[in-house]
């Protein structure tokens, strides 16, 4: 799944545009609620070494908020990691490498949207 697919889904479903708040990380996109500006998603390209993933280069990830009990179960799945640079109890990082289905990614993004209202 591509970052663009996530951005397009958020635009279509929640009428939100990505925000790019960091000059140093100009490709990091924050998905925010229009009403309260709370984050419900964060798209990043993170060095694989920082994610403890084999290989060189970066990995595209989507951070979403998640129920802590569900997060502990999901982190056992291939393609879901403890959240990079976020609270690891309440957030997860989803690899956008095809290991998690588009449907499941969108369900997790929807859940994050509702948890952050």
C-alpha atoms as a PDB file:
ATOM      1  CA  UNK A   1       0.000   0.000   0.000  1.00  0.00           C
ATOM      2  CA  UNK A   2       1.261   3.463  -0.782  1.00  0.00           C
ATOM      3  CA  UNK A   3       1.294   6.597   1.319  1.00  0.00           C
ATOM      4  CA  UNK A   4      -0.830   8.217  -1.397  1.00  0.00           C
ATOM      5  CA  UNK A   5      -3.531   5.565  -0.923  1.00  0.00           C
ATOM      6  CA  UNK A   6      -3.680   6.361   2.809  1.00  0.00           C
ATOM      7  CA  UNK A   7      -3.831  10.105   2.117  1.00  0.00           C
ATOM      8  CA  UNK A   8      -6.535   9.619  -0.515  1.00  0.00           C
ATOM      9  CA  UNK A   9      -8.586   7.445   1.868  1.00  0.00           C
ATOM     10  CA  UNK A  10      -8.328  10.040   4.678  1.00  0.00           C
ATOM     11  CA  UNK A  11      -9.369  12.796   2.266  1.00  0.00           C
ATOM     12  CA  UNK A  12     -12.344  10.831   0.952  1.00  0.00           C
ATOM     13  CA  UNK A  13     -13.554   9.477   4.308  1.00  0.00           C
ATOM     14  CA  UNK A  14     -12.696  12.340   6.683  1.00  0.00           C
ATOM     15  CA  UNK A  15     -12.257  15.324   4.361  1.00  0.00           C
ATOM     16  CA  UNK A  16      -8.795  15.979   5.747  1.00  0.00           C
ATOM     17  CA  UNK A  17      -5.602  17.000   4.002  1.00  0.00           C
ATOM     18  CA  UNK A  18      -2.182  15.941   5.298  1.00  0.00           C
ATOM     19  CA  UNK A  19      -0.170  18.446   7.268  1.00  0.00           C
ATOM     20  CA  UNK A  20       3.621  18.617   6.843  1.00  0.00           C
ATOM     21  CA  UNK A  21       4.785  20.349  10.054  1.00  0.00           C
ATOM     22  CA  UNK A  22       8.534  19.591   9.993  1.00  0.00           C
ATOM     23  CA  UNK A  23      10.953  21.225   7.574  1.00  0.00           C
ATOM     24  CA  UNK A  24      13.653  18.683   8.485  1.00  0.00           C
ATOM     25  CA  UNK A  25      11.284  15.787   7.718  1.00  0.00           C
ATOM     26  CA  UNK A  26       9.356  17.331   4.855  1.00  0.00           C
ATOM     27  CA  UNK A  27       7.812  14.026   3.745  1.00  0.00           C
ATOM     28  CA  UNK A  28       6.356  13.210   7.193  1.00  0.00           C
ATOM     29  CA  UNK A  29       2.604  13.741   6.897  1.00  0.00           C
ATOM     30  CA  UNK A  30       0.267  14.204   9.864  1.00  0.00           C
ATOM     31  CA  UNK A  31      -3.404  13.335   9.504  1.00  0.00           C
ATOM     32  CA  UNK A  32      -5.448  15.532  11.862  1.00  0.00           C
ATOM     33  CA  UNK A  33      -9.050  16.000  12.875  1.00  0.00           C
ATOM     34  CA  UNK A  34     -10.470  19.183  11.399  1.00  0.00           C
ATOM     35  CA  UNK A  35     -12.382  20.019  14.585  1.00  0.00           C
ATOM     36  CA  UNK A  36      -9.650  19.669  17.231  1.00  0.00           C
ATOM     37  CA  UNK A  37      -6.380  19.214  15.267  1.00  0.00           C
ATOM     38  CA  UNK A  38      -5.608  15.968  17.119  1.00  0.00           C
ATOM     39  CA  UNK A  39      -3.535  13.480  15.193  1.00  0.00           C
ATOM     40  CA  UNK A  40      -5.061  10.211  14.070  1.00  0.00           C
ATOM     41  CA  UNK A  41      -2.288   9.173  11.710  1.00  0.00           C
ATOM     42  CA  UNK A  42       1.344   9.880  10.965  1.00  0.00           C
ATOM     43  CA  UNK A  43       3.020   8.801   7.710  1.00  0.00           C
ATOM     44  CA  UNK A  44       6.815   8.525   7.789  1.00  0.00           C
ATOM     45  CA  UNK A  45       9.779   7.008   6.005  1.00  0.00           C
ATOM     46  CA  UNK A  46      11.933   5.615   8.821  1.00  0.00           C
ATOM     47  CA  UNK A  47      15.405   4.120   8.647  1.00  0.00           C
ATOM     48  CA  UNK A  48      14.983   0.334   8.843  1.00  0.00           C
ATOM     49  CA  UNK A  49      17.728   0.123  11.442  1.00  0.00           C
ATOM     50  CA  UNK A  50      15.669   2.319  13.801  1.00  0.00           C
ATOM     51  CA  UNK A  51      12.721  -0.057  13.364  1.00  0.00           C
ATOM     52  CA  UNK A  52      14.921  -3.135  13.931  1.00  0.00           C
ATOM     53  CA  UNK A  53      14.136  -4.350  10.415  1.00  0.00           C
ATOM     54  CA  UNK A  54      16.736  -6.131   8.326  1.00  0.00           C
ATOM     55  CA  UNK A  55      18.022  -4.422   5.236  1.00  0.00           C
ATOM     56  CA  UNK A  56      19.202  -1.001   4.255  1.00  0.00           C
ATOM     57  CA  UNK A  57      17.269   2.136   3.496  1.00  0.00           C
ATOM     58  CA  UNK A  58      13.928   3.272   4.822  1.00  0.00           C
ATOM     59  CA  UNK A  59      10.510   1.771   5.382  1.00  0.00           C
ATOM     60  CA  UNK A  60       7.221   3.600   4.860  1.00  0.00           C
ATOM     61  CA  UNK A  61       5.096   3.397   8.012  1.00  0.00           C
ATOM     62  CA  UNK A  62       1.763   4.657   9.269  1.00  0.00           C
ATOM     63  CA  UNK A  63       1.415   5.317  12.992  1.00  0.00           C
ATOM     64  CA  UNK A  64      -2.109   4.983  14.371  1.00  0.00           C
ATOM     65  CA  UNK A  65      -3.603   5.090  17.845  1.00  0.00           C
ATOM     66  CA  UNK A  66      -4.878   1.732  19.012  1.00  0.00           C
ATOM     67  CA  UNK A  67      -6.587   0.198  22.026  1.00  0.00           C
ATOM     68  CA  UNK A  68      -3.721  -1.074  24.234  1.00  0.00           C
ATOM     69  CA  UNK A  69      -5.088  -4.631  24.448  1.00  0.00           C
ATOM     70  CA  UNK A  70      -5.537  -4.845  20.697  1.00  0.00           C
ATOM     71  CA  UNK A  71      -2.128  -3.252  20.124  1.00  0.00           C
ATOM     72  CA  UNK A  72      -0.410  -5.942  22.178  1.00  0.00           C
ATOM     73  CA  UNK A  73      -2.065  -8.604  20.007  1.00  0.00           C
ATOM     74  CA  UNK A  74      -1.418  -6.804  16.709  1.00  0.00           C
ATOM     75  CA  UNK A  75       2.283  -6.305  17.459  1.00  0.00           C
ATOM     76  CA  UNK A  76       2.658 -10.079  17.147  1.00  0.00           C
ATOM     77  CA  UNK A  77       1.646  -9.824  13.468  1.00  0.00           C
ATOM     78  CA  UNK A  78       4.217  -9.458  10.731  1.00  0.00           C
ATOM     79  CA  UNK A  79       4.074  -5.849   9.538  1.00  0.00           C
ATOM     80  CA  UNK A  80       2.972  -4.228  12.804  1.00  0.00           C
ATOM     81  CA  UNK A  81       5.561  -2.780  15.169  1.00  0.00           C
ATOM     82  CA  UNK A  82       5.677  -0.833  18.409  1.00  0.00           C
ATOM     83  CA  UNK A  83       5.067   2.776  17.429  1.00  0.00           C
ATOM     84  CA  UNK A  84       8.109   4.632  16.216  1.00  0.00           C
ATOM     85  CA  UNK A  85       8.554   7.848  18.195  1.00  0.00           C
ATOM     86  CA  UNK A  86       5.130   7.595  19.894  1.00  0.00           C
ATOM     87  CA  UNK A  87       3.633   6.100  23.047  1.00  0.00           C
ATOM     88  CA  UNK A  88       4.157   2.384  22.476  1.00  0.00           C
ATOM     89  CA  UNK A  89       1.221   1.343  24.641  1.00  0.00           C
ATOM     90  CA  UNK A  90      -1.366   3.347  22.709  1.00  0.00           C
ATOM     91  CA  UNK A  91       0.144   3.611  19.216  1.00  0.00           C
ATOM     92  CA  UNK A  92       1.414   1.139  16.626  1.00  0.00           C
ATOM     93  CA  UNK A  93       3.448   1.484  13.439  1.00  0.00           C
ATOM     94  CA  UNK A  94       2.109  -0.301  10.375  1.00  0.00           C
ATOM     95  CA  UNK A  95       4.571  -1.140   7.622  1.00  0.00           C
ATOM     96  CA  UNK A  96       3.244  -0.054   4.242  1.00  0.00           C
ATOM     97  CA  UNK A  97       5.071  -2.861   2.469  1.00  0.00           C
ATOM     98  CA  UNK A  98       2.113  -5.078   1.585  1.00  0.00           C
ATOM     99  CA  UNK A  99       2.398  -7.289   4.669  1.00  0.00           C
ATOM    100  CA  UNK A 100      -0.862  -5.836   6.040  1.00  0.00           C
ATOM    101  CA  UNK A 101      -3.910  -5.695   3.788  1.00  0.00           C
ATOM    102  CA  UNK A 102      -5.335  -2.379   2.631  1.00  0.00           C
ATOM    103  CA  UNK A 103      -8.625  -3.283   4.314  1.00  0.00           C
ATOM    104  CA  UNK A 104      -6.956  -3.868   7.702  1.00  0.00           C
ATOM    105  CA  UNK A 105      -4.913  -0.664   7.400  1.00  0.00           C
ATOM    106  CA  UNK A 106      -8.046   1.358   6.704  1.00  0.00           C
ATOM    107  CA  UNK A 107      -9.861  -0.320   9.630  1.00  0.00           C
ATOM    108  CA  UNK A 108      -6.977   0.585  11.952  1.00  0.00           C
ATOM    109  CA  UNK A 109      -6.927   4.153  10.619  1.00  0.00           C
ATOM    110  CA  UNK A 110     -10.703   4.394  11.208  1.00  0.00           C
ATOM    111  CA  UNK A 111     -10.286   3.105  14.770  1.00  0.00           C
ATOM    112  CA  UNK A 112      -7.523   5.643  15.370  1.00  0.00           C
ATOM    113  CA  UNK A 113      -9.756   8.421  14.062  1.00  0.00           C
ATOM    114  CA  UNK A 114     -12.478   7.491  16.553  1.00  0.00           C
ATOM    115  CA  UNK A 115     -10.063   7.010  19.467  1.00  0.00           C
ATOM    116  CA  UNK A 116      -8.658  10.504  18.972  1.00  0.00           C
ATOM    117  CA  UNK A 117     -11.915  12.451  18.722  1.00  0.00           C
END
